[in-house]
PDB file of all heavy atoms in Angstrom:
ATOM      1  N   GLY A   1      89.491  95.442  76.970  1.00  0.00           N
ATOM      2  CA  GLY A   1      88.505  96.234  77.699  1.00  0.00           C
ATOM      3  C   GLY A   1      89.107  96.905  78.923  1.00  0.00           C
ATOM      4  O   GLY A   1      88.785  98.053  79.252  1.00  0.00           O
ATOM      5  N   ILE A   2      89.983  96.197  79.616  1.00  0.00           N
ATOM      6  CA  ILE A   2      90.658  96.783  80.776  1.00  0.00           C
ATOM      7  C   ILE A   2      91.544  97.941  80.340  1.00  0.00           C
ATOM      8  O   ILE A   2      91.526  99.025  80.942  1.00  0.00           O
ATOM      9  CB  ILE A   2      91.502  95.713  81.495  1.00  0.00           C
ATOM     10  CG1 ILE A   2      90.594  94.693  82.189  1.00  0.00           C
ATOM     11  CG2 ILE A   2      92.453  96.357  82.504  1.00  0.00           C
ATOM     12  CD1 ILE A   2      91.328  93.494  82.738  1.00  0.00           C
ATOM     13  N   GLU A   3      92.315  97.737  79.286  1.00  0.00           N
ATOM     14  CA  GLU A   3      93.228  98.780  78.827  1.00  0.00           C
ATOM     15  C   GLU A   3      92.466 100.036  78.423  1.00  0.00           C
ATOM     16  O   GLU A   3      92.860 101.159  78.773  1.00  0.00           O
ATOM     17  CB  GLU A   3      94.056  98.248  77.657  1.00  0.00           C
ATOM     18  CG  GLU A   3      95.252  99.097  77.315  1.00  0.00           C
ATOM     19  CD  GLU A   3      96.201  98.386  76.369  1.00  0.00           C
ATOM     20  OE1 GLU A   3      96.545  97.218  76.619  1.00  0.00           O
ATOM     21  OE2 GLU A   3      96.608  99.023  75.375  1.00  0.00           O
ATOM     22  N   ALA A   4      91.358  99.857  77.696  1.00  0.00           N
ATOM     23  CA  ALA A   4      90.549 101.007  77.306  1.00  0.00           C
ATOM     24  C   ALA A   4      89.963 101.702  78.532  1.00  0.00           C
ATOM     25  O   ALA A   4      89.937 102.943  78.610  1.00  0.00           O
ATOM     26  CB  ALA A   4      89.433 100.556  76.368  1.00  0.00           C
ATOM     27  N   SER A   5      89.508 100.928  79.493  1.00  0.00           N
ATOM     28  CA  SER A   5      88.893 101.497  80.705  1.00  0.00           C
ATOM     29  C   SER A   5      89.909 102.253  81.554  1.00  0.00           C
ATOM     30  O   SER A   5      89.594 103.293  82.143  1.00  0.00           O
ATOM     31  CB  SER A   5      88.237 100.386  81.530  1.00  0.00           C
ATOM     32  OG  SER A   5      87.224  99.741  80.777  1.00  0.00           O
ATOM     33  N   LEU A   6      91.125 101.741  81.638  1.00  0.00           N
ATOM     34  CA  LEU A   6      92.150 102.431  82.409  1.00  0.00           C
ATOM     35  C   LEU A   6      92.509 103.773  81.786  1.00  0.00           C
ATOM     36  O   LEU A   6      92.790 104.751  82.495  1.00  0.00           O
ATOM     37  CB  LEU A   6      93.399 101.558  82.525  1.00  0.00           C
ATOM     38  CG  LEU A   6      93.266 100.326  83.421  1.00  0.00           C
ATOM     39  CD1 LEU A   6      94.511  99.456  83.329  1.00  0.00           C
ATOM     40  CD2 LEU A   6      93.004 100.722  84.866  1.00  0.00           C
ATOM     41  N   GLU A   7      92.471 103.850  80.473  1.00  0.00           N
ATOM     42  CA  GLU A   7      92.699 105.141  79.815  1.00  0.00           C
ATOM     43  C   GLU A   7      91.559 106.105  80.127  1.00  0.00           C
ATOM     44  O   GLU A   7      91.790 107.290  80.407  1.00  0.00           O
ATOM     45  CB  GLU A   7      92.828 104.935  78.303  1.00  0.00           C
ATOM     46  CG  GLU A   7      94.085 104.176  77.890  1.00  0.00           C
ATOM     47  CD  GLU A   7      94.172 103.974  76.396  1.00  0.00           C
ATOM     48  OE1 GLU A   7      93.404 104.630  75.652  1.00  0.00           O
ATOM     49  OE2 GLU A   7      95.003 103.160  75.950  1.00  0.00           O
ATOM     50  N   LEU A   8      90.325 105.599  80.124  1.00  0.00           N
ATOM     51  CA  LEU A   8      89.171 106.443  80.422  1.00  0.00           C
ATOM     52  C   LEU A   8      89.140 106.872  81.881  1.00  0.00           C
ATOM     53  O   LEU A   8      88.647 107.958  82.210  1.00  0.00           O
ATOM     54  CB  LEU A   8      87.883 105.696  80.067  1.00  0.00           C
ATOM     55  CG  LEU A   8      87.646 105.474  78.569  1.00  0.00           C
ATOM     56  CD1 LEU A   8      86.487 104.504  78.350  1.00  0.00           C
ATOM     57  CD2 LEU A   8      87.360 106.797  77.873  1.00  0.00           C
ATOM     58  N   ALA A   9      89.665 106.038  82.761  1.00  0.00           N
ATOM     59  CA  ALA A   9      89.673 106.370  84.192  1.00  0.00           C
ATOM     60  C   ALA A   9      90.478 107.631  84.483  1.00  0.00           C
ATOM     61  O   ALA A   9      90.266 108.287  85.514  1.00  0.00           O
ATOM     62  CB  ALA A   9      90.230 105.193  84.993  1.00  0.00           C
ATOM     63  N   LYS A  10      91.384 107.982  83.581  1.00  0.00           N
ATOM     64  CA  LYS A  10      92.169 109.201  83.756  1.00  0.00           C
ATOM     65  C   LYS A  10      91.354 110.454  83.424  1.00  0.00           C
ATOM     66  O   LYS A  10      91.750 111.564  83.780  1.00  0.00           O
ATOM     67  CB  LYS A  10      93.408 109.148  82.860  1.00  0.00           C
ATOM     68  CG  LYS A  10      94.333 107.974  83.141  1.00  0.00           C
ATOM     69  CD  LYS A  10      95.435 107.894  82.092  1.00  0.00           C
ATOM     70  CE  LYS A  10      96.309 106.664  82.301  1.00  0.00           C
ATOM     71  NZ  LYS A  10      97.346 106.532  81.237  1.00  0.00           N
ATOM     72  N   GLU A  11      90.216 110.273  82.745  1.00  0.00           N
ATOM     73  CA  GLU A  11      89.437 111.410  82.270  1.00  0.00           C
ATOM     74  C   GLU A  11      88.086 111.573  82.967  1.00  0.00           C
ATOM     75  O   GLU A  11      87.510 112.668  82.970  1.00  0.00           O
ATOM     76  CB  GLU A  11      89.181 111.271  80.758  1.00  0.00           C
ATOM     77  CG  GLU A  11      90.434 111.167  79.914  1.00  0.00           C
ATOM     78  CD  GLU A  11      90.103 111.018  78.445  1.00  0.00           C
ATOM     79  OE1 GLU A  11      89.088 111.589  78.004  1.00  0.00           O
ATOM     80  OE2 GLU A  11      90.842 110.314  77.738  1.00  0.00           O
ATOM     81  N   VAL A  12      87.568 110.494  83.541  1.00  0.00           N
ATOM     82  CA  VAL A  12      86.202 110.508  84.065  1.00  0.00           C
ATOM     83  C   VAL A  12      86.190 110.066  85.524  1.00  0.00           C
ATOM     84  O   VAL A  12      86.792 109.043  85.873  1.00  0.00           O
ATOM     85  CB  VAL A  12      85.287 109.569  83.242  1.00  0.00           C
ATOM     86  CG1 VAL A  12      83.851 109.650  83.756  1.00  0.00           C
ATOM     87  CG2 VAL A  12      85.350 109.916  81.766  1.00  0.00           C
ATOM     88  N   ARG A  13      85.499 110.816  86.370  1.00  0.00           N
ATOM     89  CA  ARG A  13      85.316 110.404  87.763  1.00  0.00           C
ATOM     90  C   ARG A  13      84.162 109.418  87.846  1.00  0.00           C
ATOM     91  O   ARG A  13      83.136 109.591  87.177  1.00  0.00           O
ATOM     92  CB  ARG A  13      85.030 111.622  88.638  1.00  0.00           C
ATOM     93  CG  ARG A  13      86.210 112.574  88.766  1.00  0.00           C
ATOM     94  CD  ARG A  13      85.860 113.839  89.517  1.00  0.00           C
ATOM     95  NE  ARG A  13      85.289 113.559  90.836  1.00  0.00           N
ATOM     96  CZ  ARG A  13      84.051 113.884  91.189  1.00  0.00           C
ATOM     97  NH1 ARG A  13      83.234 114.467  90.329  1.00  0.00           N
ATOM     98  NH2 ARG A  13      83.633 113.617  92.425  1.00  0.00           N
ATOM     99  N   VAL A  14      84.316 108.395  88.680  1.00  0.00           N
ATOM    100  CA  VAL A  14      83.295 107.355  88.786  1.00  0.00           C
ATOM    101  C   VAL A  14      81.946 107.944  89.172  1.00  0.00           C
ATOM    102  O   VAL A  14      80.890 107.521  88.659  1.00  0.00           O
ATOM    103  CB  VAL A  14      83.732 106.273  89.807  1.00  0.00           C
ATOM    104  CG1 VAL A  14      82.593 105.295  90.073  1.00  0.00           C
ATOM    105  CG2 VAL A  14      84.948 105.532  89.307  1.00  0.00           C
ATOM    106  N   ALA A  15      81.939 108.937  90.048  1.00  0.00           N
ATOM    107  CA  ALA A  15      80.680 109.539  90.496  1.00  0.00           C
ATOM    108  C   ALA A  15      79.909 110.182  89.359  1.00  0.00           C
ATOM    109  O   ALA A  15      78.686 110.383  89.463  1.00  0.00           O
ATOM    110  CB  ALA A  15      80.962 110.575  91.586  1.00  0.00           C
ATOM    111  N   GLU A  16      80.587 110.500  88.252  1.00  0.00           N
ATOM    112  CA  GLU A  16      79.933 111.163  87.125  1.00  0.00           C
ATOM    113  C   GLU A  16      79.360 110.180  86.112  1.00  0.00           C
ATOM    114  O   GLU A  16      78.630 110.571  85.197  1.00  0.00           O
ATOM    115  CB  GLU A  16      80.938 112.077  86.423  1.00  0.00           C
ATOM    116  CG  GLU A  16      81.487 113.193  87.309  1.00  0.00           C
ATOM    117  CD  GLU A  16      82.616 113.951  86.627  1.00  0.00           C
ATOM    118  OE1 GLU A  16      83.109 113.469  85.575  1.00  0.00           O
ATOM    119  OE2 GLU A  16      83.007 115.002  87.138  1.00  0.00           O
ATOM    120  N   ILE A  17      79.667 108.881  86.254  1.00  0.00           N
ATOM    121  CA  ILE A  17      79.284 107.911  85.230  1.00  0.00           C
ATOM    122  C   ILE A  17      77.790 107.598  85.292  1.00  0.00           C
ATOM    123  O   ILE A  17      77.262 107.193  86.321  1.00  0.00           O
ATOM    124  CB  ILE A  17      80.097 106.606  85.392  1.00  0.00           C
ATOM    125  CG1 ILE A  17      81.581 106.872  85.139  1.00  0.00           C
ATOM    126  CG2 ILE A  17      79.574 105.525  84.437  1.00  0.00           C
ATOM    127  CD1 ILE A  17      82.480 105.668  85.368  1.00  0.00           C
ATOM    128  N   GLU A  18      77.126 107.795  84.181  1.00  0.00           N
ATOM    129  CA  GLU A  18      75.708 107.442  84.041  1.00  0.00           C
ATOM    130  C   GLU A  18      75.574 106.018  83.502  1.00  0.00           C
ATOM    131  O   GLU A  18      74.779 105.223  83.994  1.00  0.00           O
ATOM    132  CB  GLU A  18      75.008 108.422  83.101  1.00  0.00           C
ATOM    133  CG  GLU A  18      73.520 108.134  82.864  1.00  0.00           C
ATOM    134  CD  GLU A  18      72.679 108.373  84.100  1.00  0.00           C
ATOM    135  OE1 GLU A  18      73.048 109.246  84.911  1.00  0.00           O
ATOM    136  OE2 GLU A  18      71.647 107.686  84.267  1.00  0.00           O
ATOM    137  N   GLU A  19      76.351 105.704  82.461  1.00  0.00           N
ATOM    138  CA  GLU A  19      76.324 104.360  81.896  1.00  0.00           C
ATOM    139  C   GLU A  19      77.627 104.068  81.165  1.00  0.00           C
ATOM    140  O   GLU A  19      78.333 104.988  80.721  1.00  0.00           O
ATOM    141  CB  GLU A  19      75.134 104.172  80.954  1.00  0.00           C
ATOM    142  CG  GLU A  19      75.150 105.034  79.724  1.00  0.00           C
ATOM    143  CD  GLU A  19      73.937 104.786  78.835  1.00  0.00           C
ATOM    144  OE1 GLU A  19      72.892 104.364  79.360  1.00  0.00           O
ATOM    145  OE2 GLU A  19      74.054 104.999  77.611  1.00  0.00           O
ATOM    146  N   VAL A  20      77.926 102.782  81.071  1.00  0.00           N
ATOM    147  CA  VAL A  20      79.103 102.315  80.350  1.00  0.00           C
ATOM    148  C   VAL A  20      78.631 101.337  79.286  1.00  0.00           C
ATOM    149  O   VAL A  20      77.973 100.328  79.612  1.00  0.00           O
ATOM    150  CB  VAL A  20      80.110 101.617  81.288  1.00  0.00           C
ATOM    151  CG1 VAL A  20      81.340 101.153  80.495  1.00  0.00           C
ATOM    152  CG2 VAL A  20      80.523 102.538  82.427  1.00  0.00           C
ATOM    153  N   ASN A  21      78.956 101.614  78.040  1.00  0.00           N
ATOM    154  CA  ASN A  21      78.560 100.752  76.926  1.00  0.00           C
ATOM    155  C   ASN A  21      79.805 100.116  76.313  1.00  0.00           C
ATOM    156  O   ASN A  21      80.747 100.814  75.929  1.00  0.00           O
ATOM    157  CB  ASN A  21      77.816 101.557  75.854  1.00  0.00           C
ATOM    158  CG  ASN A  21      76.512 102.131  76.379  1.00  0.00           C
ATOM    159  OD1 ASN A  21      75.671 101.397  76.888  1.00  0.00           O
ATOM    160  ND2 ASN A  21      76.351 103.440  76.284  1.00  0.00           N
ATOM    161  N   ILE A  22      79.786  98.796  76.259  1.00  0.00           N
ATOM    162  CA  ILE A  22      80.921  98.055  75.716  1.00  0.00           C
ATOM    163  C   ILE A  22      80.484  97.336  74.455  1.00  0.00           C
ATOM    164  O   ILE A  22      79.462  96.651  74.439  1.00  0.00           O
ATOM    165  CB  ILE A  22      81.451  97.021  76.736  1.00  0.00           C
ATOM    166  CG1 ILE A  22      81.859  97.714  78.039  1.00  0.00           C
ATOM    167  CG2 ILE A  22      82.618  96.241  76.150  1.00  0.00           C
ATOM    168  CD1 ILE A  22      82.227  96.750  79.154  1.00  0.00           C
ATOM    169  N   GLU A  23      81.268  97.491  73.395  1.00  0.00           N
ATOM    170  CA  GLU A  23      81.051  96.727  72.166  1.00  0.00           C
ATOM    171  C   GLU A  23      82.275  95.853  71.931  1.00  0.00           C
ATOM    172  O   GLU A  23      83.414  96.321  72.008  1.00  0.00           O
ATOM    173  CB  GLU A  23      80.850  97.659  70.973  1.00  0.00           C
ATOM    174  CG  GLU A  23      79.524  98.399  70.989  1.00  0.00           C
ATOM    175  CD  GLU A  23      79.272  99.149  69.696  1.00  0.00           C
ATOM    176  OE1 GLU A  23      80.025  98.930  68.705  1.00  0.00           O
ATOM    177  OE2 GLU A  23      78.331  99.946  69.660  1.00  0.00           O
ATOM    178  N   THR A  24      82.035  94.588  71.632  1.00  0.00           N
ATOM    179  CA  THR A  24      83.155  93.686  71.430  1.00  0.00           C
ATOM    180  C   THR A  24      82.719  92.506  70.563  1.00  0.00           C
ATOM    181  O   THR A  24      81.591  92.483  70.040  1.00  0.00           O
ATOM    182  CB  THR A  24      83.729  93.233  72.791  1.00  0.00           C
ATOM    183  OG1 THR A  24      84.948  92.537  72.579  1.00  0.00           O
ATOM    184  CG2 THR A  24      82.753  92.370  73.562  1.00  0.00           C
TER     185      THR A  24
END
């Protein structure tokens, strides 16, 4: 989950996040 999130952090600004959905 951390690895996936770090990849996404390069594309999305935190201020723009509406929701985060995790499936595991």
